[in-house]
């Protein structure tokens, strides 16, 4: 995978991103933390694709050998006001790009996991508070410990710039009828 890395683009809490050398309209994401963010991203993409809800996600593919994600890059949004699904966290506006005349999210490594045959979404409380205003009414939100959703061998380390603790996570049922409503609720973001 190393010879496929182009220009370095950035480093986040869990991953480092480069342009994809053979085609710079794509990026390569590689993990550098104890969290399997790339696996989270491809699982989220596959579930939402099966539910016909992936039109607002940048398409991606998972390379199991290198545990990397290859994703369409998109282009920066010009200045203006845009409508996005209310389910998308919007603190980092750089995570929204223009791809084939639609706005897509390029960072969606959501932690979805199954517990007792139900699919759940686990996220830090501060992430949930940023999107809860658009959540469907009656959404069941549980305070949980993130360690319940860790895969074998994973270790969660909170970002240095945040006061996240292991116990400040919420778990919500990830059910199609509820998620569809959340996608239908929109919010406006301002670029520039």
C-alpha atoms as a PDB file:
ATOM      1  CA  UNK A   1       0.000   0.000   0.000  1.00  0.00           C
ATOM      2  CA  UNK A   2       2.953   2.333   0.666  1.00  0.00           C
ATOM      3  CA  UNK A   3       3.719   2.806  -3.045  1.00  0.00           C
ATOM      4  CA  UNK A   4       0.074   3.822  -3.589  1.00  0.00           C
ATOM      5  CA  UNK A   5       0.288   6.750  -1.164  1.00  0.00           C
ATOM      6  CA  UNK A   6       0.482  10.154  -2.743  1.00  0.00           C
ATOM      7  CA  UNK A   7       0.497  13.557  -1.087  1.00  0.00           C
ATOM      8  CA  UNK A   8      -0.031  13.603   2.690  1.00  0.00           C
ATOM      9  CA  UNK A   9      -3.414  15.263   3.422  1.00  0.00           C
ATOM     10  CA  UNK A  10      -3.832  15.091   7.185  1.00  0.00           C
ATOM     11  CA  UNK A  11      -3.921  13.170  10.427  1.00  0.00           C
ATOM     12  CA  UNK A  12      -6.892  12.819  12.768  1.00  0.00           C
ATOM     13  CA  UNK A  13      -7.409  11.099  16.098  1.00  0.00           C
ATOM     14  CA  UNK A  14      -7.562   7.615  14.574  1.00  0.00           C
ATOM     15  CA  UNK A  15      -6.342   7.815  10.982  1.00  0.00           C
ATOM     16  CA  UNK A  16      -3.839   9.344   8.584  1.00  0.00           C
ATOM     17  CA  UNK A  17      -4.975  10.308   5.074  1.00  0.00           C
ATOM     18  CA  UNK A  18      -3.049  10.506   1.779  1.00  0.00           C
ATOM     19  CA  UNK A  19      -4.030  11.024  -1.832  1.00  0.00           C
ATOM     20  CA  UNK A  20      -4.286   7.756  -3.739  1.00  0.00           C
ATOM     21  CA  UNK A  21      -1.266   7.776  -6.086  1.00  0.00           C
ATOM     22  CA  UNK A  22      -2.913   6.045  -9.094  1.00  0.00           C
ATOM     23  CA  UNK A  23      -5.921   8.414  -8.968  1.00  0.00           C
ATOM     24  CA  UNK A  24      -5.768  11.608  -6.849  1.00  0.00           C
ATOM     25  CA  UNK A  25      -9.591  11.865  -6.888  1.00  0.00           C
ATOM     26  CA  UNK A  26      -9.417   9.150  -4.205  1.00  0.00           C
ATOM     27  CA  UNK A  27      -7.773   9.044  -0.783  1.00  0.00           C
ATOM     28  CA  UNK A  28      -6.228   6.289   1.336  1.00  0.00           C
ATOM     29  CA  UNK A  29      -7.003   6.220   5.076  1.00  0.00           C
ATOM     30  CA  UNK A  30      -4.768   4.225   7.410  1.00  0.00           C
ATOM     31  CA  UNK A  31      -5.305   3.710  11.123  1.00  0.00           C
ATOM     32  CA  UNK A  32      -2.718   4.782  13.682  1.00  0.00           C
ATOM     33  CA  UNK A  33      -4.668   4.375  16.931  1.00  0.00           C
ATOM     34  CA  UNK A  34      -6.047   1.425  18.829  1.00  0.00           C
ATOM     35  CA  UNK A  35      -9.507   1.837  17.252  1.00  0.00           C
ATOM     36  CA  UNK A  36     -10.501   0.026  14.032  1.00  0.00           C
ATOM     37  CA  UNK A  37     -11.981   3.146  12.441  1.00  0.00           C
ATOM     38  CA  UNK A  38     -11.631   1.853   8.875  1.00  0.00           C
ATOM     39  CA  UNK A  39     -13.608  -1.254   9.691  1.00  0.00           C
ATOM     40  CA  UNK A  40     -16.261   0.961  11.327  1.00  0.00           C
ATOM     41  CA  UNK A  41     -16.419   3.111   8.194  1.00  0.00           C
ATOM     42  CA  UNK A  42     -16.857   0.254   5.710  1.00  0.00           C
ATOM     43  CA  UNK A  43     -19.461  -1.435   7.931  1.00  0.00           C
ATOM     44  CA  UNK A  44     -21.405   1.829   8.201  1.00  0.00           C
ATOM     45  CA  UNK A  45     -21.213   2.307   4.425  1.00  0.00           C
ATOM     46  CA  UNK A  46     -22.400  -1.248   3.746  1.00  0.00           C
ATOM     47  CA  UNK A  47     -25.320  -1.065   6.202  1.00  0.00           C
ATOM     48  CA  UNK A  48     -26.521   2.331   4.960  1.00  0.00           C
ATOM     49  CA  UNK A  49     -26.087   1.194   1.334  1.00  0.00           C
ATOM     50  CA  UNK A  50     -28.287  -1.847   2.028  1.00  0.00           C
ATOM     51  CA  UNK A  51     -30.881   0.534   3.490  1.00  0.00           C
ATOM     52  CA  UNK A  52     -30.629   2.891   0.457  1.00  0.00           C
ATOM     53  CA  UNK A  53     -29.289   5.694   2.656  1.00  0.00           C
ATOM     54  CA  UNK A  54     -25.720   6.012   1.344  1.00  0.00           C
ATOM     55  CA  UNK A  55     -26.258   8.797  -1.181  1.00  0.00           C
ATOM     56  CA  UNK A  56     -24.806  11.339   1.280  1.00  0.00           C
ATOM     57  CA  UNK A  57     -21.699   9.253   2.040  1.00  0.00           C
ATOM     58  CA  UNK A  58     -18.512   9.269  -0.017  1.00  0.00           C
ATOM     59  CA  UNK A  59     -18.241   5.749  -1.455  1.00  0.00           C
ATOM     60  CA  UNK A  60     -15.400   3.658  -0.078  1.00  0.00           C
ATOM     61  CA  UNK A  61     -13.768   0.257  -0.357  1.00  0.00           C
ATOM     62  CA  UNK A  62     -11.922  -1.678   2.333  1.00  0.00           C
ATOM     63  CA  UNK A  63      -8.564  -3.302   1.610  1.00  0.00           C
ATOM     64  CA  UNK A  64      -8.394  -6.122   4.178  1.00  0.00           C
ATOM     65  CA  UNK A  65      -4.725  -6.876   3.524  1.00  0.00           C
ATOM     66  CA  UNK A  66      -3.561  -3.392   4.538  1.00  0.00           C
ATOM     67  CA  UNK A  67      -6.657  -2.604   6.656  1.00  0.00           C
ATOM     68  CA  UNK A  68      -6.975   0.628   4.663  1.00  0.00           C
ATOM     69  CA  UNK A  69      -9.923   2.492   3.234  1.00  0.00           C
ATOM     70  CA  UNK A  70      -9.876   3.849  -0.311  1.00  0.00           C
ATOM     71  CA  UNK A  71     -12.494   6.583  -0.679  1.00  0.00           C
ATOM     72  CA  UNK A  72     -13.570   9.110  -3.278  1.00  0.00           C
ATOM     73  CA  UNK A  73     -12.175  12.473  -2.219  1.00  0.00           C
ATOM     74  CA  UNK A  74     -14.696  14.958  -3.562  1.00  0.00           C
ATOM     75  CA  UNK A  75     -13.967  18.659  -3.792  1.00  0.00           C
ATOM     76  CA  UNK A  76     -14.258  21.466  -1.274  1.00  0.00           C
ATOM     77  CA  UNK A  77     -17.671  23.103  -1.030  1.00  0.00           C
ATOM     78  CA  UNK A  78     -17.787  26.672  -2.292  1.00  0.00           C
ATOM     79  CA  UNK A  79     -18.958  29.338   0.156  1.00  0.00           C
ATOM     80  CA  UNK A  80     -22.673  29.151   0.798  1.00  0.00           C
ATOM     81  CA  UNK A  81     -25.469  27.555   2.802  1.00  0.00           C
ATOM     82  CA  UNK A  82     -26.132  23.847   2.435  1.00  0.00           C
ATOM     83  CA  UNK A  83     -28.712  21.403   3.709  1.00  0.00           C
ATOM     84  CA  UNK A  84     -27.382  18.155   5.197  1.00  0.00           C
ATOM     85  CA  UNK A  85     -29.053  15.208   6.946  1.00  0.00           C
ATOM     86  CA  UNK A  86     -29.544  15.982  10.645  1.00  0.00           C
ATOM     87  CA  UNK A  87     -27.893  12.696  11.615  1.00  0.00           C
ATOM     88  CA  UNK A  88     -24.474  13.999  10.487  1.00  0.00           C
ATOM     89  CA  UNK A  89     -22.210  15.623  13.104  1.00  0.00           C
ATOM     90  CA  UNK A  90     -21.292  19.039  11.748  1.00  0.00           C
ATOM     91  CA  UNK A  91     -18.503  20.374  13.993  1.00  0.00           C
ATOM     92  CA  UNK A  92     -15.883  19.778  11.295  1.00  0.00           C
ATOM     93  CA  UNK A  93     -17.206  21.294   8.078  1.00  0.00           C
ATOM     94  CA  UNK A  94     -14.130  19.974   6.217  1.00  0.00           C
ATOM     95  CA  UNK A  95     -15.793  16.544   6.431  1.00  0.00           C
ATOM     96  CA  UNK A  96     -18.359  17.642   3.830  1.00  0.00           C
ATOM     97  CA  UNK A  97     -17.351  17.573   0.166  1.00  0.00           C
ATOM     98  CA  UNK A  98     -18.974  17.979  -3.220  1.00  0.00           C
ATOM     99  CA  UNK A  99     -19.101  14.773  -5.256  1.00  0.00           C
ATOM    100  CA  UNK A 100     -21.007  14.556  -8.533  1.00  0.00           C
ATOM    101  CA  UNK A 101     -23.239  17.537  -7.650  1.00  0.00           C
ATOM    102  CA  UNK A 102     -24.200  16.226  -4.202  1.00  0.00           C
ATOM    103  CA  UNK A 103     -22.865  16.886  -0.725  1.00  0.00           C
ATOM    104  CA  UNK A 104     -21.237  13.860   0.890  1.00  0.00           C
ATOM    105  CA  UNK A 105     -19.747  13.086   4.277  1.00  0.00           C
ATOM    106  CA  UNK A 106     -16.147  11.824   4.021  1.00  0.00           C
ATOM    107  CA  UNK A 107     -15.605  10.815   7.669  1.00  0.00           C
ATOM    108  CA  UNK A 108     -18.261   8.478   9.040  1.00  0.00           C
ATOM    109  CA  UNK A 109     -16.464   5.841  11.084  1.00  0.00           C
ATOM    110  CA  UNK A 110     -19.549   5.253  13.227  1.00  0.00           C
ATOM    111  CA  UNK A 111     -19.291   2.468  15.800  1.00  0.00           C
ATOM    112  CA  UNK A 112     -22.157   0.078  15.045  1.00  0.00           C
ATOM    113  CA  UNK A 113     -22.280  -3.203  16.916  1.00  0.00           C
ATOM    114  CA  UNK A 114     -24.685  -6.041  17.608  1.00  0.00           C
ATOM    115  CA  UNK A 115     -25.781  -6.925  21.111  1.00  0.00           C
ATOM    116  CA  UNK A 116     -28.397  -9.635  21.709  1.00  0.00           C
ATOM    117  CA  UNK A 117     -29.359  -9.586  18.006  1.00  0.00           C
ATOM    118  CA  UNK A 118     -29.933  -5.806  17.924  1.00  0.00           C
ATOM    119  CA  UNK A 119     -27.823  -3.279  16.064  1.00  0.00           C
ATOM    120  CA  UNK A 120     -26.660  -0.317  18.155  1.00  0.00           C
ATOM    121  CA  UNK A 121     -24.785   2.907  17.483  1.00  0.00           C
ATOM    122  CA  UNK A 122     -22.307   3.938  20.175  1.00  0.00           C
ATOM    123  CA  UNK A 123     -20.864   7.433  20.279  1.00  0.00           C
ATOM    124  CA  UNK A 124     -19.366   9.905  22.737  1.00  0.00           C
ATOM    125  CA  UNK A 125     -21.980  11.989  24.537  1.00  0.00           C
ATOM    126  CA  UNK A 126     -20.571  15.192  23.002  1.00  0.00           C
ATOM    127  CA  UNK A 127     -21.072  13.716  19.487  1.00  0.00           C
ATOM    128  CA  UNK A 128     -24.663  12.810  20.301  1.00  0.00           C
ATOM    129  CA  UNK A 129     -25.400  16.250  21.748  1.00  0.00           C
ATOM    130  CA  UNK A 130     -24.335  17.800  18.430  1.00  0.00           C
ATOM    131  CA  UNK A 131     -26.974  15.844  16.483  1.00  0.00           C
ATOM    132  CA  UNK A 132     -29.680  15.196  19.085  1.00  0.00           C
ATOM    133  CA  UNK A 133     -31.708  18.259  18.036  1.00  0.00           C
ATOM    134  CA  UNK A 134     -32.651  16.421  14.819  1.00  0.00           C
ATOM    135  CA  UNK A 135     -33.157  13.006  16.427  1.00  0.00           C
ATOM    136  CA  UNK A 136     -36.578  11.400  15.983  1.00  0.00           C
ATOM    137  CA  UNK A 137     -38.889  11.775  18.974  1.00  0.00           C
ATOM    138  CA  UNK A 138     -39.000   8.797  21.294  1.00  0.00           C
ATOM    139  CA  UNK A 139     -35.416   7.755  20.525  1.00  0.00           C
ATOM    140  CA  UNK A 140     -34.161   5.524  23.328  1.00  0.00           C
ATOM    141  CA  UNK A 141     -30.747   6.781  24.481  1.00  0.00           C
ATOM    142  CA  UNK A 142     -28.769   4.822  27.057  1.00  0.00           C
ATOM    143  CA  UNK A 143     -25.677   5.942  28.954  1.00  0.00           C
ATOM    144  CA  UNK A 144     -23.113   3.188  28.404  1.00  0.00           C
ATOM    145  CA  UNK A 145     -19.462   2.329  28.727  1.00  0.00           C
ATOM    146  CA  UNK A 146     -17.643   2.317  25.395  1.00  0.00           C
ATOM    147  CA  UNK A 147     -15.652  -0.763  26.376  1.00  0.00           C
ATOM    148  CA  UNK A 148     -18.795  -2.835  25.664  1.00  0.00           C
ATOM    149  CA  UNK A 149     -18.446  -2.039  21.966  1.00  0.00           C
ATOM    150  CA  UNK A 150     -14.687  -2.502  21.606  1.00  0.00           C
ATOM    151  CA  UNK A 151     -13.468  -5.263  19.346  1.00  0.00           C
ATOM    152  CA  UNK A 152     -10.904  -7.739  20.708  1.00  0.00           C
ATOM    153  CA  UNK A 153      -7.498  -6.039  20.871  1.00  0.00           C
ATOM    154  CA  UNK A 154      -8.872  -2.492  20.647  1.00  0.00           C
ATOM    155  CA  UNK A 155      -8.021   0.195  23.165  1.00  0.00           C
ATOM    156  CA  UNK A 156      -9.839   3.511  23.402  1.00  0.00           C
ATOM    157  CA  UNK A 157      -7.763   6.589  24.173  1.00  0.00           C
ATOM    158  CA  UNK A 158      -9.710   9.867  24.293  1.00  0.00           C
ATOM    159  CA  UNK A 159      -8.429  12.646  22.025  1.00  0.00           C
ATOM    160  CA  UNK A 160      -6.090  14.997  23.899  1.00  0.00           C
ATOM    161  CA  UNK A 161      -8.201  18.032  23.058  1.00  0.00           C
ATOM    162  CA  UNK A 162     -11.388  16.555  24.530  1.00  0.00           C
ATOM    163  CA  UNK A 163     -12.446  15.580  28.004  1.00  0.00           C
ATOM    164  CA  UNK A 164     -13.993  12.299  26.913  1.00  0.00           C
ATOM    165  CA  UNK A 165     -13.933   9.574  29.547  1.00  0.00           C
ATOM    166  CA  UNK A 166     -14.624   5.890  29.095  1.00  0.00           C
ATOM    167  CA  UNK A 167     -18.067   6.283  30.686  1.00  0.00           C
ATOM    168  CA  UNK A 168     -19.324   9.240  28.664  1.00  0.00           C
ATOM    169  CA  UNK A 169     -20.802   7.278  25.780  1.00  0.00           C
ATOM    170  CA  UNK A 170     -24.365   6.777  24.645  1.00  0.00           C
ATOM    171  CA  UNK A 171     -25.889   3.769  22.938  1.00  0.00           C
ATOM    172  CA  UNK A 172     -28.939   4.051  20.716  1.00  0.00           C
ATOM    173  CA  UNK A 173     -30.770   1.367  18.729  1.00  0.00           C
ATOM    174  CA  UNK A 174     -29.759   1.594  15.071  1.00  0.00           C
ATOM    175  CA  UNK A 175     -33.019   0.618  13.382  1.00  0.00           C
ATOM    176  CA  UNK A 176     -33.883   1.437   9.802  1.00  0.00           C
ATOM    177  CA  UNK A 177     -37.244   3.147  10.421  1.00  0.00           C
ATOM    178  CA  UNK A 178     -35.684   5.464  13.006  1.00  0.00           C
ATOM    179  CA  UNK A 179     -32.512   6.208  10.993  1.00  0.00           C
ATOM    180  CA  UNK A 180     -34.574   7.050   7.893  1.00  0.00           C
ATOM    181  CA  UNK A 181     -36.425   9.699   9.922  1.00  0.00           C
ATOM    182  CA  UNK A 182     -33.121  11.090  11.155  1.00  0.00           C
ATOM    183  CA  UNK A 183     -31.813  11.345   7.584  1.00  0.00           C
ATOM    184  CA  UNK A 184     -35.035  13.117   6.550  1.00  0.00           C
ATOM    185  CA  UNK A 185     -34.551  15.799   9.209  1.00  0.00           C
ATOM    186  CA  UNK A 186     -32.109  18.338   7.812  1.00  0.00           C
ATOM    187  CA  UNK A 187     -29.976  21.156   9.125  1.00  0.00           C
ATOM    188  CA  UNK A 188     -28.272  24.031   7.371  1.00  0.00           C
ATOM    189  CA  UNK A 189     -24.535  24.527   7.443  1.00  0.00           C
ATOM    190  CA  UNK A 190     -22.661  27.650   6.386  1.00  0.00           C
ATOM    191  CA  UNK A 191     -19.382  27.340   4.468  1.00  0.00           C
ATOM    192  CA  UNK A 192     -17.146  30.397   4.246  1.00  0.00           C
END
